[in-house]
């Protein structure tokens, strides 16, 4: 069963890389901020679903990263 899970994970990872490259080739201005926000959403979702505890400093870092991503996205649009 464990090897089956690893095989499925490898397939999903490969699919993800394919779509990442395809998306960057098509419209990098829109895709880059979305891809950059992946880690922030991972932290927030782990807080919600896994009940991980974050300290105040970590929340400030997440807010700063999200602000930077928003600024990057807006600078490309304007």
PDB file of N, CA and C in Angstrom:
ATOM      1  N   UNK A   1       0.824  -1.204   0.000  1.00  0.00           N
ATOM      2  CA  UNK A   1       0.000   0.000   0.000  1.00  0.00           C
ATOM      3  C   UNK A   1       0.862   1.260   0.000  1.00  0.00           C
ATOM      4  N   UNK A   2       1.974   1.212   0.731  1.00  0.00           N
ATOM      5  CA  UNK A   2       2.834   2.389   0.832  1.00  0.00           C
ATOM      6  C   UNK A   2       3.445   2.755  -0.525  1.00  0.00           C
ATOM      7  N   UNK A   3       3.863   1.739  -1.285  1.00  0.00           N
ATOM      8  CA  UNK A   3       4.443   1.989  -2.607  1.00  0.00           C
ATOM      9  C   UNK A   3       3.393   2.537  -3.571  1.00  0.00           C
ATOM     10  N   UNK A   4       2.159   2.095  -3.423  1.00  0.00           N
ATOM     11  CA  UNK A   4       1.077   2.590  -4.256  1.00  0.00           C
ATOM     12  C   UNK A   4       0.868   4.086  -4.018  1.00  0.00           C
ATOM     13  N   UNK A   5       0.928   4.493  -2.753  1.00  0.00           N
ATOM     14  CA  UNK A   5       0.785   5.914  -2.415  1.00  0.00           C
ATOM     15  C   UNK A   5       1.935   6.733  -2.988  1.00  0.00           C
ATOM     16  N   UNK A   6       3.131   6.204  -2.915  1.00  0.00           N
ATOM     17  CA  UNK A   6       4.289   6.919  -3.460  1.00  0.00           C
ATOM     18  C   UNK A   6       4.202   7.057  -4.968  1.00  0.00           C
ATOM     19  N   UNK A   7       3.712   6.015  -5.624  1.00  0.00           N
ATOM     20  CA  UNK A   7       3.535   6.067  -7.078  1.00  0.00           C
ATOM     21  C   UNK A   7       2.517   7.123  -7.469  1.00  0.00           C
ATOM     22  N   UNK A   8       1.400   7.181  -6.735  1.00  0.00           N
ATOM     23  CA  UNK A   8       0.374   8.196  -7.014  1.00  0.00           C
ATOM     24  C   UNK A   8       0.937   9.590  -6.762  1.00  0.00           C
ATOM     25  N   UNK A   9       1.707   9.748  -5.687  1.00  0.00           N
ATOM     26  CA  UNK A   9       2.314  11.048  -5.394  1.00  0.00           C
ATOM     27  C   UNK A   9       3.266  11.470  -6.511  1.00  0.00           C
ATOM     28  N   UNK A  10       4.039  10.541  -7.026  1.00  0.00           N
ATOM     29  CA  UNK A  10       4.972  10.851  -8.116  1.00  0.00           C
ATOM     30  C   UNK A  10       4.223  11.273  -9.373  1.00  0.00           C
ATOM     31  N   UNK A  11       3.119  10.608  -9.673  1.00  0.00           N
ATOM     32  CA  UNK A  11       2.320  10.967 -10.845  1.00  0.00           C
ATOM     33  C   UNK A  11       1.748  12.372 -10.683  1.00  0.00           C
ATOM     34  N   UNK A  12       1.200  12.681  -9.501  1.00  0.00           N
ATOM     35  CA  UNK A  12       0.641  14.013  -9.274  1.00  0.00           C
ATOM     36  C   UNK A  12       1.718  15.089  -9.320  1.00  0.00           C
ATOM     37  N   UNK A  13       2.894  14.788  -8.791  1.00  0.00           N
ATOM     38  CA  UNK A  13       4.000  15.752  -8.840  1.00  0.00           C
ATOM     39  C   UNK A  13       4.412  16.026 -10.277  1.00  0.00           C
ATOM     40  N   UNK A  14       4.499  14.984 -11.084  1.00  0.00           N
ATOM     41  CA  UNK A  14       4.861  15.145 -12.488  1.00  0.00           C
ATOM     42  C   UNK A  14       3.801  15.953 -13.229  1.00  0.00           C
ATOM     43  N   UNK A  15       2.539  15.650 -12.985  1.00  0.00           N
ATOM     44  CA  UNK A  15       1.453  16.429 -13.592  1.00  0.00           C
ATOM     45  C   UNK A  15       1.531  17.889 -13.176  1.00  0.00           C
ATOM     46  N   UNK A  16       1.807  18.127 -11.915  1.00  0.00           N
ATOM     47  CA  UNK A  16       1.921  19.491 -11.423  1.00  0.00           C
ATOM     48  C   UNK A  16       3.037  20.261 -12.108  1.00  0.00           C
ATOM     49  N   UNK A  17       4.177  19.612 -12.293  1.00  0.00           N
ATOM     50  CA  UNK A  17       5.293  20.262 -12.981  1.00  0.00           C
ATOM     51  C   UNK A  17       4.946  20.567 -14.431  1.00  0.00           C
ATOM     52  N   UNK A  18       4.240  19.666 -15.075  1.00  0.00           N
ATOM     53  CA  UNK A  18       3.822  19.893 -16.459  1.00  0.00           C
ATOM     54  C   UNK A  18       2.930  21.131 -16.548  1.00  0.00           C
ATOM     55  N   UNK A  19       1.924  21.212 -15.694  1.00  0.00           N
ATOM     56  CA  UNK A  19       1.012  22.346 -15.736  1.00  0.00           C
ATOM     57  C   UNK A  19       1.694  23.643 -15.306  1.00  0.00           C
ATOM     58  N   UNK A  20       2.673  23.547 -14.412  1.00  0.00           N
ATOM     59  CA  UNK A  20       3.440  24.722 -13.994  1.00  0.00           C
ATOM     60  C   UNK A  20       4.195  25.306 -15.190  1.00  0.00           C
ATOM     61  N   UNK A  21       4.903  24.466 -15.918  1.00  0.00           N
ATOM     62  CA  UNK A  21       5.672  24.929 -17.073  1.00  0.00           C
ATOM     63  C   UNK A  21       4.730  25.461 -18.153  1.00  0.00           C
ATOM     64  N   UNK A  22       3.640  24.755 -18.407  1.00  0.00           N
ATOM     65  CA  UNK A  22       2.665  25.193 -19.396  1.00  0.00           C
ATOM     66  C   UNK A  22       2.080  26.553 -19.026  1.00  0.00           C
ATOM     67  N   UNK A  23       1.720  26.733 -17.754  1.00  0.00           N
ATOM     68  CA  UNK A  23       1.128  28.000 -17.305  1.00  0.00           C
ATOM     69  C   UNK A  23       2.139  29.142 -17.410  1.00  0.00           C
ATOM     70  N   UNK A  24       3.389  28.890 -17.031  1.00  0.00           N
ATOM     71  CA  UNK A  24       4.409  29.934 -17.111  1.00  0.00           C
ATOM     72  C   UNK A  24       4.674  30.326 -18.566  1.00  0.00           C
ATOM     73  N   UNK A  25       4.592  29.376 -19.464  1.00  0.00           N
ATOM     74  CA  UNK A  25       4.828  29.673 -20.875  1.00  0.00           C
ATOM     75  C   UNK A  25       3.669  30.468 -21.477  1.00  0.00           C
ATOM     76  N   UNK A  26       2.467  30.235 -20.991  1.00  0.00           N
ATOM     77  CA  UNK A  26       1.293  30.903 -21.557  1.00  0.00           C
ATOM     78  C   UNK A  26       1.129  32.331 -21.046  1.00  0.00           C
ATOM     79  N   UNK A  27       1.179  32.526 -19.720  1.00  0.00           N
ATOM     80  CA  UNK A  27       0.886  33.838 -19.162  1.00  0.00           C
ATOM     81  C   UNK A  27       1.613  34.007 -17.824  1.00  0.00           C
ATOM     82  N   UNK A  28       2.900  34.262 -17.900  1.00  0.00           N
ATOM     83  CA  UNK A  28       3.731  34.329 -16.702  1.00  0.00           C
ATOM     84  C   UNK A  28       3.345  35.481 -15.780  1.00  0.00           C
ATOM     85  N   UNK A  29       2.836  36.570 -16.321  1.00  0.00           N
ATOM     86  CA  UNK A  29       2.483  37.726 -15.498  1.00  0.00           C
ATOM     87  C   UNK A  29       1.382  37.380 -14.497  1.00  0.00           C
ATOM     88  N   UNK A  30       0.434  36.584 -14.897  1.00  0.00           N
ATOM     89  CA  UNK A  30      -0.657  36.194 -14.010  1.00  0.00           C
ATOM     90  C   UNK A  30      -0.261  35.008 -13.137  1.00  0.00           C
ATOM     91  N   UNK A  31       0.463  34.072 -13.692  1.00  0.00           N
ATOM     92  CA  UNK A  31       0.757  32.820 -13.003  1.00  0.00           C
ATOM     93  C   UNK A  31       1.811  32.981 -11.912  1.00  0.00           C
ATOM     94  N   UNK A  32       2.808  33.823 -12.118  1.00  0.00           N
ATOM     95  CA  UNK A  32       3.903  33.941 -11.157  1.00  0.00           C
ATOM     96  C   UNK A  32       3.425  34.305  -9.749  1.00  0.00           C
ATOM     97  N   UNK A  33       2.556  35.315  -9.562  1.00  0.00           N
ATOM     98  CA  UNK A  33       2.077  35.594  -8.202  1.00  0.00           C
ATOM     99  C   UNK A  33       1.253  34.451  -7.608  1.00  0.00           C
ATOM    100  N   UNK A  34       0.515  33.752  -8.442  1.00  0.00           N
ATOM    101  CA  UNK A  34      -0.267  32.617  -7.938  1.00  0.00           C
ATOM    102  C   UNK A  34       0.642  31.503  -7.447  1.00  0.00           C
ATOM    103  N   UNK A  35       1.690  31.219  -8.194  1.00  0.00           N
ATOM    104  CA  UNK A  35       2.627  30.183  -7.791  1.00  0.00           C
ATOM    105  C   UNK A  35       3.396  30.625  -6.545  1.00  0.00           C
ATOM    106  N   UNK A  36       3.722  31.898  -6.468  1.00  0.00           N
ATOM    107  CA  UNK A  36       4.426  32.414  -5.292  1.00  0.00           C
ATOM    108  C   UNK A  36       3.588  32.295  -4.034  1.00  0.00           C
ATOM    109  N   UNK A  37       2.280  32.362  -4.177  1.00  0.00           N
ATOM    110  CA  UNK A  37       1.410  32.309  -2.995  1.00  0.00           C
ATOM    111  C   UNK A  37       1.161  30.888  -2.502  1.00  0.00           C
ATOM    112  N   UNK A  38       1.665  29.896  -3.206  1.00  0.00           N
ATOM    113  CA  UNK A  38       1.443  28.498  -2.830  1.00  0.00           C
ATOM    114  C   UNK A  38       1.900  28.211  -1.405  1.00  0.00           C
ATOM    115  N   UNK A  39       3.089  28.649  -1.054  1.00  0.00           N
ATOM    116  CA  UNK A  39       3.619  28.359   0.285  1.00  0.00           C
ATOM    117  C   UNK A  39       2.812  29.049   1.372  1.00  0.00           C
ATOM    118  N   UNK A  40       2.343  30.257   1.099  1.00  0.00           N
ATOM    119  CA  UNK A  40       1.536  30.971   2.091  1.00  0.00           C
ATOM    120  C   UNK A  40       0.227  30.232   2.328  1.00  0.00           C
ATOM    121  N   UNK A  41      -0.412  29.788   1.269  1.00  0.00           N
ATOM    122  CA  UNK A  41      -1.662  29.056   1.432  1.00  0.00           C
ATOM    123  C   UNK A  41      -1.434  27.714   2.126  1.00  0.00           C
ATOM    124  N   UNK A  42      -0.286  27.109   1.915  1.00  0.00           N
ATOM    125  CA  UNK A  42       0.025  25.866   2.611  1.00  0.00           C
ATOM    126  C   UNK A  42       0.103  26.101   4.113  1.00  0.00           C
ATOM    127  N   UNK A  43       0.734  27.193   4.516  1.00  0.00           N
ATOM    128  CA  UNK A  43       0.829  27.523   5.942  1.00  0.00           C
ATOM    129  C   UNK A  43      -0.557  27.787   6.520  1.00  0.00           C
ATOM    130  N   UNK A  44      -1.354  28.580   5.819  1.00  0.00           N
ATOM    131  CA  UNK A  44      -2.682  28.903   6.320  1.00  0.00           C
ATOM    132  C   UNK A  44      -3.599  27.675   6.371  1.00  0.00           C
ATOM    133  N   UNK A  45      -3.543  26.842   5.355  1.00  0.00           N
ATOM    134  CA  UNK A  45      -4.375  25.638   5.364  1.00  0.00           C
ATOM    135  C   UNK A  45      -3.925  24.643   6.427  1.00  0.00           C
ATOM    136  N   UNK A  46      -2.618  24.583   6.690  1.00  0.00           N
ATOM    137  CA  UNK A  46      -2.158  23.703   7.768  1.00  0.00           C
ATOM    138  C   UNK A  46      -2.647  24.210   9.119  1.00  0.00           C
ATOM    139  N   UNK A  47      -2.759  25.506   9.246  1.00  0.00           N
ATOM    140  CA  UNK A  47      -3.308  26.079  10.482  1.00  0.00           C
ATOM    141  C   UNK A  47      -4.774  25.710  10.632  1.00  0.00           C
ATOM    142  N   UNK A  48      -5.514  25.782   9.549  1.00  0.00           N
ATOM    143  CA  UNK A  48      -6.951  25.518   9.605  1.00  0.00           C
ATOM    144  C   UNK A  48      -7.248  24.025   9.780  1.00  0.00           C
ATOM    145  N   UNK A  49      -6.658  23.198   8.923  1.00  0.00           N
ATOM    146  CA  UNK A  49      -7.041  21.787   8.904  1.00  0.00           C
ATOM    147  C   UNK A  49      -6.218  20.905   9.838  1.00  0.00           C
ATOM    148  N   UNK A  50      -4.949  21.219  10.019  1.00  0.00           N
ATOM    149  CA  UNK A  50      -4.096  20.397  10.877  1.00  0.00           C
ATOM    150  C   UNK A  50      -3.973  20.955  12.283  1.00  0.00           C
ATOM    151  N   UNK A  51      -4.574  22.113  12.512  1.00  0.00           N
ATOM    152  CA  UNK A  51      -4.573  22.761  13.827  1.00  0.00           C
ATOM    153  C   UNK A  51      -3.161  23.072  14.330  1.00  0.00           C
ATOM    154  N   UNK A  52      -2.275  23.405  13.397  1.00  0.00           N
ATOM    155  CA  UNK A  52      -0.926  23.793  13.800  1.00  0.00           C
ATOM    156  C   UNK A  52      -0.973  25.150  14.469  1.00  0.00           C
ATOM    157  N   UNK A  53      -0.156  25.316  15.466  1.00  0.00           N
ATOM    158  CA  UNK A  53      -0.119  26.583  16.199  1.00  0.00           C
ATOM    159  C   UNK A  53       0.927  27.503  15.573  1.00  0.00           C
ATOM    160  N   UNK A  54       0.538  28.738  15.326  1.00  0.00           N
ATOM    161  CA  UNK A  54       1.450  29.744  14.804  1.00  0.00           C
ATOM    162  C   UNK A  54       1.600  30.842  15.847  1.00  0.00           C
ATOM    163  N   UNK A  55       2.798  31.383  15.943  1.00  0.00           N
ATOM    164  CA  UNK A  55       3.027  32.499  16.849  1.00  0.00           C
ATOM    165  C   UNK A  55       2.752  33.798  16.101  1.00  0.00           C
ATOM    166  N   UNK A  56       2.626  34.869  16.833  1.00  0.00           N
ATOM    167  CA  UNK A  56       2.275  36.170  16.257  1.00  0.00           C
ATOM    168  C   UNK A  56       3.263  36.574  15.155  1.00  0.00           C
ATOM    169  N   UNK A  57       4.533  36.311  15.374  1.00  0.00           N
ATOM    170  CA  UNK A  57       5.554  36.673  14.383  1.00  0.00           C
ATOM    171  C   UNK A  57       5.305  35.973  13.049  1.00  0.00           C
ATOM    172  N   UNK A  58       4.863  34.717  13.091  1.00  0.00           N
ATOM    173  CA  UNK A  58       4.587  33.978  11.861  1.00  0.00           C
ATOM    174  C   UNK A  58       3.407  34.575  11.100  1.00  0.00           C
ATOM    175  N   UNK A  59       2.406  35.050  11.826  1.00  0.00           N
ATOM    176  CA  UNK A  59       1.282  35.704  11.163  1.00  0.00           C
ATOM    177  C   UNK A  59       1.732  36.986  10.460  1.00  0.00           C
ATOM    178  N   UNK A  60       2.643  37.727  11.089  1.00  0.00           N
ATOM    179  CA  UNK A  60       3.166  38.943  10.455  1.00  0.00           C
ATOM    180  C   UNK A  60       3.955  38.603   9.189  1.00  0.00           C
ATOM    181  N   UNK A  61       4.719  37.532   9.229  1.00  0.00           N
ATOM    182  CA  UNK A  61       5.479  37.104   8.048  1.00  0.00           C
ATOM    183  C   UNK A  61       4.525  36.729   6.918  1.00  0.00           C
ATOM    184  N   UNK A  62       3.473  35.969   7.245  1.00  0.00           N
ATOM    185  CA  UNK A  62       2.488  35.572   6.238  1.00  0.00           C
ATOM    186  C   UNK A  62       1.826  36.810   5.639  1.00  0.00           C
ATOM    187  N   UNK A  63       1.461  37.764   6.480  1.00  0.00           N
ATOM    188  CA  UNK A  63       0.837  38.997   5.989  1.00  0.00           C
ATOM    189  C   UNK A  63       1.808  39.776   5.097  1.00  0.00           C
ATOM    190  N   UNK A  64       3.079  39.828   5.476  1.00  0.00           N
ATOM    191  CA  UNK A  64       4.077  40.521   4.667  1.00  0.00           C
ATOM    192  C   UNK A  64       4.279  39.872   3.314  1.00  0.00           C
ATOM    193  N   UNK A  65       4.323  38.557   3.298  1.00  0.00           N
ATOM    194  CA  UNK A  65       4.487  37.838   2.033  1.00  0.00           C
ATOM    195  C   UNK A  65       3.271  38.055   1.146  1.00  0.00           C
ATOM    196  N   UNK A  66       2.078  37.992   1.717  1.00  0.00           N
ATOM    197  CA  UNK A  66       0.865  38.213   0.931  1.00  0.00           C
ATOM    198  C   UNK A  66       0.820  39.640   0.386  1.00  0.00           C
ATOM    199  N   UNK A  67       1.269  40.601   1.169  1.00  0.00           N
ATOM    200  CA  UNK A  67       1.337  41.986   0.696  1.00  0.00           C
ATOM    201  C   UNK A  67       2.312  42.113  -0.471  1.00  0.00           C
ATOM    202  N   UNK A  68       3.470  41.470  -0.350  1.00  0.00           N
ATOM    203  CA  UNK A  68       4.454  41.498  -1.428  1.00  0.00           C
ATOM    204  C   UNK A  68       3.936  40.859  -2.702  1.00  0.00           C
ATOM    205  N   UNK A  69       3.229  39.754  -2.567  1.00  0.00           N
ATOM    206  CA  UNK A  69       2.657  39.083  -3.741  1.00  0.00           C
ATOM    207  C   UNK A  69       1.606  39.968  -4.399  1.00  0.00           C
ATOM    208  N   UNK A  70       0.780  40.608  -3.573  1.00  0.00           N
ATOM    209  CA  UNK A  70      -0.241  41.511  -4.114  1.00  0.00           C
ATOM    210  C   UNK A  70       0.414  42.682  -4.836  1.00  0.00           C
ATOM    211  N   UNK A  71       1.482  43.242  -4.264  1.00  0.00           N
ATOM    212  CA  UNK A  71       2.183  44.350  -4.907  1.00  0.00           C
ATOM    213  C   UNK A  71       2.795  43.913  -6.233  1.00  0.00           C
ATOM    214  N   UNK A  72       3.345  42.702  -6.246  1.00  0.00           N
ATOM    215  CA  UNK A  72       3.915  42.167  -7.485  1.00  0.00           C
ATOM    216  C   UNK A  72       2.850  42.008  -8.551  1.00  0.00           C
ATOM    217  N   UNK A  73       1.719  41.475  -8.149  1.00  0.00           N
ATOM    218  CA  UNK A  73       0.626  41.278  -9.103  1.00  0.00           C
ATOM    219  C   UNK A  73       0.101  42.610  -9.621  1.00  0.00           C
ATOM    220  N   UNK A  74      -0.055  43.587  -8.739  1.00  0.00           N
ATOM    221  CA  UNK A  74      -0.564  44.891  -9.163  1.00  0.00           C
ATOM    222  C   UNK A  74       0.433  45.635 -10.033  1.00  0.00           C
ATOM    223  N   UNK A  75       1.714  45.491  -9.756  1.00  0.00           N
ATOM    224  CA  UNK A  75       2.722  46.198 -10.557  1.00  0.00           C
ATOM    225  C   UNK A  75       2.748  45.681 -11.999  1.00  0.00           C
ATOM    226  N   UNK A  76       2.415  44.422 -12.190  1.00  0.00           N
ATOM    227  CA  UNK A  76       2.400  43.855 -13.535  1.00  0.00           C
ATOM    228  C   UNK A  76       1.160  44.284 -14.313  1.00  0.00           C
ATOM    229  N   UNK A  77       0.086  44.577 -13.605  1.00  0.00           N
ATOM    230  CA  UNK A  77      -1.156  44.955 -14.254  1.00  0.00           C
ATOM    231  C   UNK A  77      -1.130  46.423 -14.669  1.00  0.00           C
ATOM    232  N   UNK A  78      -0.542  47.236 -13.829  1.00  0.00           N
ATOM    233  CA  UNK A  78      -0.560  48.704 -14.073  1.00  0.00           C
ATOM    234  C   UNK A  78       0.410  49.096 -15.147  1.00  0.00           C
TER     235      UNK A  78
END
